[in-house]
């Protein structure tokens, strides 16, 4: 009866209305550069205090799902990821838009988002207790190995120039070290500036590297070329079933990666998106086209970052451990409504747990109408003269970078990051490795420090060998580094042999 009651509570008219409103609001806010899931949830949270618990959670889960998917709209249309989670989507989405396939690119992103979200919901419903116990086995060593696997993406997205790609990745890692040490009160790379003690904000860097750099690039093109936008107004075009041929395997693989990464506390959707994108770059049948407008890149990024939503709820509901900042806010909402998250929630309040499963599933389905509405709104912006549109985007970038932490210093960071990224683009340095290094850098440093503390008197060899999970992940990292180099060497040998034969 609890399952039936939970289903009825989830499809209550008020709950459905709040779910859709949350999804639409999240989609719109997620598409605005620099705002993102946390801002969207924070804006909507006060409105949930007077609701009953299921409707409140429905609204917040709708905001959560919608904001992650919404970031892909601006990433595709104006190369400006609305959220850090959508940064990888811009790598292929915007080239498709410039090729006149903006609606199709958003359609690929939406379809992959819905599949990834629904997939993670099914995993959450079927395996939450078992997966939560498995997540407890991830200590510093296992987390280090997982993040190291993510950093191998730098190599895969820098095939055209490995040196420049690795240099940008190292720069991203160094930027992540700016501020107070996570293990001491020591300040690093602050140059005496108090504002840098809290570190460099991820949103400020993402907005500067992608949005402002693109604005500067377009301004330069406007000065050199006749007026006219690269992207015209569009409507969402879902891919046909025949177009999925050869892509289902990558879709499922990325959804699995996103779900698994979401289960691990503190990782997040941006990490999942880059890991999946790097895996697609290595294993996709169309890997040579990824980064140039290939749907496989969009599928990998969007299915994984939306699969994080269900995965992040596993430790939140089963253990009371938030998987990311958004789920931390939702845990607070549960507490406000008199529901205690954690192990007892799974046994003492199963009705609420089942209701969350159903509500999350519905929220992912509601992303379709919400995305159609939001895309039409943003398409209207593209009819504005490009000079005004670039000015509008610049204002949004400044407001978004300021609104993330309410810090004026972040605005200067955004401007400097934009100018620097624009100059790097002119010199042929790729931006994705910098973002990958910056996103994963702080977690990487923390895991290394914790490893040193936990290792104690043991040797490194015995410490690594004591963890089968870490050992498997490190072997995968080794393969991911070696195999592409071997393949490249074989390709050069084959090309040389063909040249000698001719």
Protein backbone atom coordinates (compact mmCIF):
# COMPACT_ATOMS: atom_id res chain seq x y z
CA UNK A 1 0.00 0.00 0.00
CA UNK A 2 2.90 2.35 0.65
CA UNK A 3 3.95 2.23 -3.01
CA UNK A 4 0.39 2.97 -4.15
CA UNK A 5 0.02 5.82 -1.65
CA UNK A 6 3.36 7.27 -2.76
CA UNK A 7 2.32 7.13 -6.41
CA UNK A 8 -1.00 8.83 -5.67
CA UNK A 9 0.79 11.56 -3.68
CA UNK A 10 3.23 12.12 -6.57
CA UNK A 11 0.47 12.52 -9.17
CA UNK A 12 -1.67 14.79 -7.00
CA UNK A 13 -2.61 17.87 -9.11
CA UNK A 14 -0.82 20.27 -6.76
CA UNK A 15 2.29 18.10 -6.70
CA UNK A 16 2.31 17.79 -10.49
CA UNK A 17 1.84 21.54 -10.85
CA UNK A 18 4.70 22.28 -8.47
CA UNK A 19 6.86 19.72 -10.25
CA UNK A 20 6.28 21.37 -13.62
CA UNK A 21 6.71 24.89 -12.26
CA UNK A 22 9.98 23.83 -10.63
CA UNK A 23 11.20 22.17 -13.83
CA UNK A 24 10.36 25.22 -15.94
CA UNK A 25 11.89 27.69 -13.48
CA UNK A 26 14.98 25.50 -13.18
CA UNK A 27 15.25 25.26 -16.97
CA UNK A 28 15.08 29.04 -17.38
CA UNK A 29 17.50 29.84 -14.56
CA UNK A 30 19.85 27.06 -15.65
CA UNK A 31 19.97 28.53 -19.15
CA UNK A 32 21.00 31.96 -17.84
CA UNK A 33 24.81 32.06 -17.80
CA UNK A 34 26.44 31.88 -14.39
CA UNK A 35 23.40 31.10 -12.25
CA UNK A 36 22.88 27.34 -12.07
CA UNK A 37 21.27 24.75 -9.83
CA UNK A 38 22.22 26.12 -6.41
CA UNK A 39 20.92 29.62 -7.24
CA UNK A 40 17.72 28.17 -8.71
CA UNK A 41 17.10 25.97 -5.66
CA UNK A 42 17.85 28.83 -3.28
CA UNK A 43 15.39 31.12 -5.08
CA UNK A 44 12.60 28.53 -4.91
CA UNK A 45 13.27 27.21 -1.40
CA UNK A 46 11.28 29.89 0.55
CA UNK A 47 8.15 29.07 -1.49
CA UNK A 48 8.18 25.46 -0.26
CA UNK A 49 7.85 26.19 3.46
CA UNK A 50 4.05 26.39 3.31
CA UNK A 51 3.63 23.29 1.10
CA UNK A 52 3.22 19.72 2.22
CA UNK A 53 6.42 17.68 2.06
CA UNK A 54 5.82 15.79 -1.21
CA UNK A 55 4.88 18.96 -3.14
CA UNK A 56 7.89 20.80 -1.71
CA UNK A 57 10.29 18.05 -2.71
CA UNK A 58 8.58 17.81 -6.13
CA UNK A 59 9.23 21.48 -6.80
CA UNK A 60 12.86 21.32 -5.71
CA UNK A 61 13.56 18.12 -7.66
CA UNK A 62 12.00 19.76 -10.71
CA UNK A 63 14.31 22.75 -10.27
CA UNK A 64 17.27 20.40 -9.84
CA UNK A 65 16.60 18.41 -13.03
CA UNK A 66 15.52 21.42 -15.08
CA UNK A 67 18.52 23.57 -14.17
CA UNK A 68 21.03 20.92 -15.21
CA UNK A 69 19.32 20.35 -18.55
CA UNK A 70 18.69 24.09 -19.07
CA UNK A 71 22.38 24.86 -19.13
CA UNK A 72 22.63 23.02 -22.45
CA UNK A 73 20.34 25.51 -24.19
CA UNK A 74 22.65 28.51 -23.85
CA UNK A 75 25.67 26.21 -24.34
CA UNK A 76 24.31 25.23 -27.75
CA UNK A 77 22.87 28.55 -28.90
CA UNK A 78 25.54 31.03 -27.76
CA UNK A 79 28.44 28.85 -26.57
CA UNK A 80 27.74 30.01 -23.03
CA UNK A 81 27.12 27.13 -20.63
CA UNK A 82 24.34 28.15 -18.29
CA UNK A 83 25.83 25.88 -15.61
CA UNK A 84 29.30 24.36 -15.13
CA UNK A 85 27.69 20.96 -15.71
CA UNK A 86 26.97 21.96 -19.32
CA UNK A 87 30.49 23.11 -20.20
CA UNK A 88 31.25 19.84 -22.00
CA UNK A 89 28.00 20.14 -23.99
CA UNK A 90 29.23 23.33 -25.62
CA UNK A 91 32.21 21.53 -27.17
CA UNK A 92 29.95 19.86 -29.76
CA UNK A 93 26.63 21.64 -29.31
CA UNK A 94 27.80 25.06 -30.45
CA UNK A 95 29.61 23.77 -33.58
CA UNK A 96 26.36 22.01 -34.54
CA UNK A 97 24.47 25.27 -34.00
CA UNK A 98 26.93 27.18 -36.19
CA UNK A 99 26.38 24.54 -38.86
CA UNK A 100 22.66 25.36 -38.85
CA UNK A 101 21.59 22.45 -36.62
CA UNK A 102 20.84 24.29 -33.37
CA UNK A 103 17.41 22.68 -32.94
CA UNK A 104 18.85 19.25 -33.59
CA UNK A 105 21.68 19.83 -31.11
CA UNK A 106 19.20 20.82 -28.39
CA UNK A 107 17.10 17.78 -29.34
CA UNK A 108 20.08 15.47 -28.82
CA UNK A 109 20.83 17.14 -25.49
CA UNK A 110 17.21 16.89 -24.33
CA UNK A 111 16.79 13.25 -25.35
CA UNK A 112 20.06 12.26 -23.66
CA UNK A 113 19.13 14.27 -20.56
CA UNK A 114 15.76 12.56 -20.20
CA UNK A 115 17.26 9.11 -20.72
CA UNK A 116 20.08 9.73 -18.24
CA UNK A 117 17.70 11.10 -15.64
CA UNK A 118 15.17 8.27 -16.01
CA UNK A 119 17.98 5.69 -16.00
CA UNK A 120 19.33 7.03 -12.71
CA UNK A 121 15.80 7.05 -11.25
CA UNK A 122 15.41 3.36 -12.04
CA UNK A 123 18.80 2.61 -10.47
CA UNK A 124 17.86 4.71 -7.44
CA UNK A 125 14.59 2.84 -6.98
CA UNK A 126 16.03 -0.65 -7.45
CA UNK A 127 19.42 -0.46 -5.82
CA UNK A 128 19.54 2.46 -3.37
CA UNK A 129 20.32 0.43 -0.22
CA UNK A 130 22.94 -1.77 -1.89
CA UNK A 131 24.64 1.10 -3.74
CA UNK A 132 24.75 3.20 -0.59
CA UNK A 133 26.69 0.44 1.15
CA UNK A 134 29.10 0.25 -1.80
CA UNK A 135 29.64 4.04 -1.73
CA UNK A 136 30.82 3.73 1.87
CA UNK A 137 33.82 1.74 0.60
CA UNK A 138 35.13 4.78 -1.31
CA UNK A 139 37.86 6.33 0.76
CA UNK A 140 40.57 8.83 -0.24
CA UNK A 141 42.50 6.29 -2.33
CA UNK A 142 39.47 5.23 -4.33
CA UNK A 143 38.40 8.86 -4.83
CA UNK A 144 41.93 9.74 -5.99
CA UNK A 145 41.87 6.94 -8.56
CA UNK A 146 38.45 8.02 -9.83
CA UNK A 147 39.48 11.66 -10.23
CA UNK A 148 42.74 10.61 -11.89
CA UNK A 149 40.64 8.72 -14.41
CA UNK A 150 38.74 11.95 -15.02
CA UNK A 151 41.96 13.88 -15.57
CA UNK A 152 42.90 11.55 -18.41
CA UNK A 153 40.16 13.41 -20.32
CA UNK A 154 42.74 16.17 -20.80
CA UNK A 155 44.72 13.90 -23.08
CA UNK A 156 41.69 12.77 -25.05
CA UNK A 157 40.36 16.29 -25.74
CA UNK A 158 43.83 17.54 -26.76
CA UNK A 159 44.62 15.13 -29.58
CA UNK A 160 45.38 17.97 -32.00
CA UNK A 161 48.11 19.39 -29.73
CA UNK A 162 48.98 17.34 -26.67
CA UNK A 163 51.52 19.86 -25.32
CA UNK A 164 49.14 22.82 -25.39
CA UNK A 165 46.32 20.71 -23.96
CA UNK A 166 48.40 19.40 -21.06
CA UNK A 167 49.73 22.92 -20.40
CA UNK A 168 46.17 24.23 -20.10
CA UNK A 169 45.23 21.28 -17.87
CA UNK A 170 48.14 22.05 -15.55
CA UNK A 171 47.08 25.71 -15.49
CA UNK A 172 43.60 24.60 -14.43
CA UNK A 173 45.07 22.47 -11.63
CA UNK A 174 47.16 25.44 -10.45
CA UNK A 175 44.13 27.76 -10.45
CA UNK A 176 42.30 25.21 -8.29
CA UNK A 177 45.12 25.52 -5.70
CA UNK A 178 44.62 29.28 -5.25
CA UNK A 179 43.40 30.20 -1.78
CA UNK A 180 43.56 28.62 1.64
CA UNK A 181 44.98 25.13 1.89
CA UNK A 182 42.27 22.57 2.75
CA UNK A 183 44.65 21.06 5.35
CA UNK A 184 46.10 24.17 6.97
CA UNK A 185 45.62 27.92 7.32
CA UNK A 186 48.29 28.59 4.71
CA UNK A 187 47.44 30.82 1.75
CA UNK A 188 48.72 29.79 -1.67
CA UNK A 189 49.12 31.90 -4.82
CA UNK A 190 47.19 34.84 -3.33
CA UNK A 191 49.98 37.42 -3.79
CA UNK A 192 48.77 39.22 -0.70
CA UNK A 193 45.23 39.69 -2.03
CA UNK A 194 42.67 38.93 0.69
CA UNK A 195 39.92 38.24 -1.86
CA UNK A 196 41.86 35.23 -3.17
CA UNK A 197 41.92 33.51 0.24
CA UNK A 198 38.56 31.87 -0.50
CA UNK A 199 39.81 30.62 -3.85
CA UNK A 200 38.68 31.29 -7.40
CA UNK A 201 34.99 30.68 -8.02
CA UNK A 202 34.22 27.96 -10.56
CA UNK A 203 31.24 29.86 -11.98
CA UNK A 204 33.37 32.96 -12.55
CA UNK A 205 35.96 30.95 -14.47
CA UNK A 206 33.40 29.02 -16.53
CA UNK A 207 31.51 32.18 -17.49
CA UNK A 208 34.72 34.01 -18.41
CA UNK A 209 36.36 31.19 -20.35
CA UNK A 210 33.29 30.35 -22.42
CA UNK A 211 30.92 33.30 -22.41
CA UNK A 212 33.14 36.41 -22.40
CA UNK A 213 35.74 34.78 -24.63
CA UNK A 214 32.98 33.99 -27.14
CA UNK A 215 31.68 37.57 -26.92
CA UNK A 216 35.16 38.94 -27.66
CA UNK A 217 35.55 36.48 -30.54
CA UNK A 218 32.21 37.52 -32.02
CA UNK A 219 33.03 41.20 -31.65
CA UNK A 220 36.21 40.60 -33.61
CA UNK A 221 34.26 38.75 -36.32
CA UNK A 222 31.69 41.56 -36.47
CA UNK A 223 34.51 44.01 -37.17
CA UNK A 224 35.93 41.79 -39.92
CA UNK A 225 32.79 40.28 -41.46
CA UNK A 226 29.33 41.49 -42.54
CA UNK A 227 26.74 41.67 -39.79
CA UNK A 228 24.68 38.57 -39.11
CA UNK A 229 24.45 35.94 -36.40
CA UNK A 230 25.87 32.46 -36.71
CA UNK A 231 22.82 30.83 -35.15
CA UNK A 232 19.24 31.45 -36.21
CA UNK A 233 16.09 30.98 -34.17
CA UNK A 234 15.25 27.33 -33.69
CA UNK A 235 12.82 24.82 -32.27
CA UNK A 236 13.68 21.60 -30.52
CA UNK A 237 14.13 18.72 -32.99
CA UNK A 238 14.29 15.34 -31.29
CA UNK A 239 16.48 12.82 -33.14
CA UNK A 240 14.75 10.07 -35.09
CA UNK A 241 15.07 6.46 -33.97
CA UNK A 242 17.23 5.66 -37.00
CA UNK A 243 19.74 8.31 -35.91
CA UNK A 244 20.34 6.46 -32.64
CA UNK A 245 21.91 3.54 -34.47
CA UNK A 246 25.40 2.99 -33.07
CA UNK A 247 24.86 5.53 -30.27
CA UNK A 248 22.83 3.51 -27.74
CA UNK A 249 25.93 1.89 -26.24
CA UNK A 250 27.51 5.28 -25.55
CA UNK A 251 24.23 6.60 -24.14
CA UNK A 252 23.95 3.74 -21.65
CA UNK A 253 27.64 3.89 -20.75
CA UNK A 254 27.49 7.62 -20.02
CA UNK A 255 24.33 7.18 -17.96
CA UNK A 256 26.07 4.52 -15.88
CA UNK A 257 29.07 6.80 -15.36
CA UNK A 258 26.85 9.69 -14.31
CA UNK A 259 24.87 7.55 -11.89
CA UNK A 260 28.01 6.10 -10.30
CA UNK A 261 29.71 9.50 -9.98
CA UNK A 262 26.54 11.00 -8.51
CA UNK A 263 26.46 8.32 -5.81
CA UNK A 264 29.90 9.38 -4.57
CA UNK A 265 29.46 12.34 -2.17
CA UNK A 266 31.07 15.62 -3.23
CA UNK A 267 31.83 14.81 -6.87
CA UNK A 268 29.02 16.41 -8.88
CA UNK A 269 27.60 16.60 -12.39
CA UNK A 270 30.50 18.57 -13.90
CA UNK A 271 32.92 15.77 -12.98
CA UNK A 272 30.59 13.16 -14.47
CA UNK A 273 30.17 15.14 -17.70
CA UNK A 274 33.90 15.46 -18.29
CA UNK A 275 34.61 11.82 -17.45
CA UNK A 276 31.89 10.67 -19.86
CA UNK A 277 32.99 13.12 -22.54
CA UNK A 278 36.56 11.87 -22.29
CA UNK A 279 35.34 8.27 -22.52
CA UNK A 280 33.29 9.13 -25.62
CA UNK A 281 36.34 10.79 -27.14
CA UNK A 282 38.24 7.52 -26.65
CA UNK A 283 35.64 4.92 -27.55
CA UNK A 284 32.97 6.46 -29.78
CA UNK A 285 32.74 5.14 -33.36
CA UNK A 286 32.77 8.82 -34.39
CA UNK A 287 35.54 9.90 -32.01
CA UNK A 288 37.42 11.77 -34.73
CA UNK A 289 34.48 14.16 -35.09
CA UNK A 290 33.90 14.78 -31.38
CA UNK A 291 34.63 18.43 -30.65
CA UNK A 292 33.56 19.44 -34.15
CA UNK A 293 29.79 19.06 -33.82
CA UNK A 294 29.30 15.34 -33.19
CA UNK A 295 26.10 14.22 -31.38
CA UNK A 296 28.05 11.54 -29.48
CA UNK A 297 29.78 14.30 -27.52
CA UNK A 298 26.46 15.90 -26.59
CA UNK A 299 24.99 12.52 -25.66
CA UNK A 300 27.91 11.69 -23.38
CA UNK A 301 27.88 15.02 -21.54
CA UNK A 302 24.11 15.41 -21.12
CA UNK A 303 23.18 11.83 -20.25
CA UNK A 304 25.88 11.67 -17.57
CA UNK A 305 25.29 15.04 -15.93
CA UNK A 306 21.54 14.39 -15.70
CA UNK A 307 22.10 10.84 -14.44
CA UNK A 308 23.86 12.43 -11.47
CA UNK A 309 20.50 13.67 -10.16
CA UNK A 310 19.27 10.18 -9.28
CA UNK A 311 22.69 8.99 -8.19
CA UNK A 312 23.19 11.93 -5.84
CA UNK A 313 19.94 11.07 -4.08
CA UNK A 314 21.28 7.64 -3.07
CA UNK A 315 23.68 8.77 -0.31
CA UNK A 316 21.32 11.62 0.54
CA UNK A 317 18.34 9.36 1.26
CA UNK A 318 20.13 6.22 2.42
CA UNK A 319 22.88 7.78 4.52
CA UNK A 320 21.91 11.41 5.05
CA UNK A 321 25.11 12.40 3.19
CA UNK A 322 24.50 15.03 0.47
CA UNK A 323 25.93 14.06 -2.90
CA UNK A 324 26.28 17.72 -3.93
CA UNK A 325 25.26 21.22 -2.70
CA UNK A 326 21.79 20.90 -4.23
CA UNK A 327 20.97 17.69 -2.40
CA UNK A 328 22.28 19.31 0.78
CA UNK A 329 19.57 21.97 0.40
CA UNK A 330 16.97 19.28 -0.21
CA UNK A 331 18.07 17.42 2.92
CA UNK A 332 17.50 20.64 4.82
CA UNK A 333 14.03 20.86 3.27
CA UNK A 334 13.22 17.33 4.43
CA UNK A 335 14.33 18.26 7.93
CA UNK A 336 12.18 21.41 7.88
CA UNK A 337 9.19 19.22 7.06
CA UNK A 338 9.93 16.91 9.97
CA UNK A 339 11.53 14.09 7.94
CA UNK A 340 14.93 12.88 9.12
CA UNK A 341 17.21 11.72 6.25
CA UNK A 342 19.51 8.79 6.76
CA UNK A 343 19.36 5.06 7.30
CA UNK A 344 16.08 5.24 9.25
CA UNK A 345 14.36 7.08 6.41
CA UNK A 346 14.51 3.93 4.27
CA UNK A 347 12.68 1.92 6.93
CA UNK A 348 10.58 4.40 8.90
CA UNK A 349 9.29 6.58 6.04
CA UNK A 350 9.28 4.37 2.97
CA UNK A 351 6.25 6.23 1.60
CA UNK A 352 8.25 9.43 1.28
CA UNK A 353 11.16 7.57 -0.33
CA UNK A 354 8.90 5.96 -2.93
CA UNK A 355 7.23 9.33 -3.57
CA UNK A 356 10.65 10.88 -4.24
CA UNK A 357 11.39 8.12 -6.76
CA UNK A 358 8.16 8.80 -8.65
CA UNK A 359 8.48 12.59 -8.45
CA UNK A 360 12.04 12.47 -9.79
CA UNK A 361 10.93 10.27 -12.68
CA UNK A 362 8.11 12.66 -13.56
CA UNK A 363 10.45 15.68 -13.33
CA UNK A 364 12.73 14.15 -15.97
CA UNK A 365 9.77 13.58 -18.30
CA UNK A 366 8.52 17.13 -17.74
CA UNK A 367 11.85 18.43 -19.01
CA UNK A 368 10.53 18.02 -22.57
CA UNK A 369 7.75 20.66 -22.46
CA UNK A 370 9.90 22.89 -20.23
CA UNK A 371 12.79 22.72 -22.71
CA UNK A 372 10.49 23.50 -25.66
CA UNK A 373 9.17 26.62 -23.90
CA UNK A 374 12.60 27.80 -22.76
CA UNK A 375 14.20 27.21 -26.17
CA UNK A 376 11.54 29.31 -27.89
CA UNK A 377 12.18 32.09 -25.40
CA UNK A 378 15.90 31.99 -26.09
CA UNK A 379 15.39 31.69 -29.82
CA UNK A 380 13.57 35.02 -29.68
CA UNK A 381 16.72 36.56 -28.24
CA UNK A 382 18.60 35.52 -31.37
CA UNK A 383 16.43 37.84 -33.48
CA UNK A 384 17.94 40.78 -31.59
CA UNK A 385 20.76 42.56 -33.48
CA UNK A 386 24.01 40.84 -32.63
CA UNK A 387 25.54 43.96 -31.09
CA UNK A 388 22.70 44.19 -28.58
CA UNK A 389 22.74 40.43 -27.99
CA UNK A 390 26.45 40.48 -27.16
CA UNK A 391 25.85 43.35 -24.76
CA UNK A 392 22.98 41.45 -23.14
CA UNK A 393 25.13 38.33 -22.76
CA UNK A 394 27.92 40.40 -21.22
CA UNK A 395 25.50 41.85 -18.65
CA UNK A 396 24.23 38.35 -17.84
CA UNK A 397 27.82 37.15 -17.43
CA UNK A 398 28.60 39.94 -14.98
CA UNK A 399 25.39 39.42 -13.02
CA UNK A 400 25.87 35.66 -13.00
CA UNK A 401 29.47 35.81 -11.79
CA UNK A 402 28.49 38.29 -9.08
CA UNK A 403 25.35 36.41 -8.06
CA UNK A 404 27.17 33.13 -7.52
CA UNK A 405 28.79 34.32 -4.26
CA UNK A 406 27.75 37.97 -4.03
CA UNK A 407 31.40 38.95 -4.46
CA UNK A 408 32.49 41.84 -6.71
CA UNK A 409 35.93 40.27 -6.99
CA UNK A 410 34.40 37.38 -8.98
CA UNK A 411 33.41 39.89 -11.67
CA UNK A 412 37.08 40.82 -12.14
CA UNK A 413 37.94 37.12 -12.28
CA UNK A 414 35.36 36.62 -15.02
CA UNK A 415 36.71 39.53 -17.06
CA UNK A 416 40.33 38.39 -16.71
CA UNK A 417 39.38 34.78 -17.50
CA UNK A 418 37.50 35.92 -20.60
CA UNK A 419 40.36 38.03 -21.91
CA UNK A 420 42.88 35.29 -21.14
CA UNK A 421 40.75 32.60 -22.81
CA UNK A 422 40.28 34.79 -25.87
CA UNK A 423 44.04 35.30 -26.22
CA UNK A 424 44.67 31.59 -25.64
CA UNK A 425 42.12 30.78 -28.35
CA UNK A 426 44.00 32.99 -30.77
CA UNK A 427 47.23 31.12 -29.94
CA UNK A 428 45.62 27.70 -30.41
CA UNK A 429 45.40 26.66 -26.75
CA UNK A 430 42.20 24.63 -26.07
CA UNK A 431 39.88 25.73 -23.27
CA UNK A 432 38.39 22.34 -22.25
CA UNK A 433 41.59 21.02 -20.56
CA UNK A 434 41.76 24.15 -18.37
CA UNK A 435 38.16 23.64 -17.23
CA UNK A 436 38.72 19.93 -16.61
CA UNK A 437 41.81 20.63 -14.51
CA UNK A 438 40.05 23.38 -12.57
CA UNK A 439 36.87 21.36 -11.92
CA UNK A 440 38.77 18.31 -10.67
CA UNK A 441 41.77 20.08 -9.12
CA UNK A 442 40.49 20.82 -5.61
CA UNK A 443 38.98 17.37 -5.13
CA UNK A 444 42.23 15.88 -6.46
CA UNK A 445 44.31 17.82 -3.93
CA UNK A 446 42.02 16.88 -1.04
CA UNK A 447 42.14 13.20 -1.95
CA UNK A 448 45.96 13.28 -2.10
CA UNK A 449 46.18 14.93 1.32
CA UNK A 450 43.76 12.44 2.83
CA UNK A 451 45.70 9.57 1.28
CA UNK A 452 48.88 10.73 2.98
CA UNK A 453 47.08 10.95 6.32
CA UNK A 454 45.37 7.58 5.99
CA UNK A 455 48.43 5.75 4.68
CA UNK A 456 50.22 6.03 8.01
CA UNK A 457 53.31 3.85 8.29
CA UNK A 458 52.34 1.56 5.40
CA UNK A 459 54.28 1.64 2.16
CA UNK A 460 52.55 3.08 -0.89
CA UNK A 461 52.58 -0.32 -2.58
CA UNK A 462 50.84 -2.08 0.29
CA UNK A 463 48.40 0.83 0.69
CA UNK A 464 47.35 0.71 -2.98
CA UNK A 465 47.19 -3.09 -3.05
CA UNK A 466 44.93 -3.05 -0.01
CA UNK A 467 42.10 -1.57 -2.11
CA UNK A 468 40.78 -3.73 -5.00
CA UNK A 469 38.53 -0.87 -6.17
CA UNK A 470 41.42 1.60 -6.41
CA UNK A 471 43.60 -1.02 -8.07
CA UNK A 472 41.03 -1.64 -10.79
CA UNK A 473 40.54 2.10 -11.36
CA UNK A 474 44.30 2.73 -11.58
CA UNK A 475 44.66 -0.11 -14.09
CA UNK A 476 41.92 1.52 -16.16
CA UNK A 477 43.78 4.84 -15.97
CA UNK A 478 46.95 3.14 -17.22
CA UNK A 479 45.08 1.58 -20.12
CA UNK A 480 43.42 4.88 -20.99
CA UNK A 481 46.83 6.54 -21.19
CA UNK A 482 48.71 3.77 -23.01
CA UNK A 483 46.12 2.50 -25.50
CA UNK A 484 45.62 5.83 -27.36
CA UNK A 485 49.38 6.25 -27.65
CA UNK A 486 49.74 2.73 -29.06
CA UNK A 487 46.90 3.38 -31.48
CA UNK A 488 48.50 6.65 -32.59
CA UNK A 489 51.86 4.88 -33.07
CA UNK A 490 50.21 2.16 -35.14
CA UNK A 491 48.47 4.81 -37.21
CA UNK A 492 51.78 6.54 -37.92
CA UNK A 493 53.39 3.22 -38.83
CA UNK A 494 50.52 2.37 -41.17
CA UNK A 495 50.69 5.81 -42.79
CA UNK A 496 54.46 5.48 -43.22
CA UNK A 497 54.08 2.02 -44.74
CA UNK A 498 51.42 3.29 -47.14
CA UNK A 499 53.64 6.21 -48.15
CA UNK A 500 56.60 3.90 -48.79
CA UNK A 501 54.36 1.56 -50.80
CA UNK A 502 53.34 4.38 -53.07
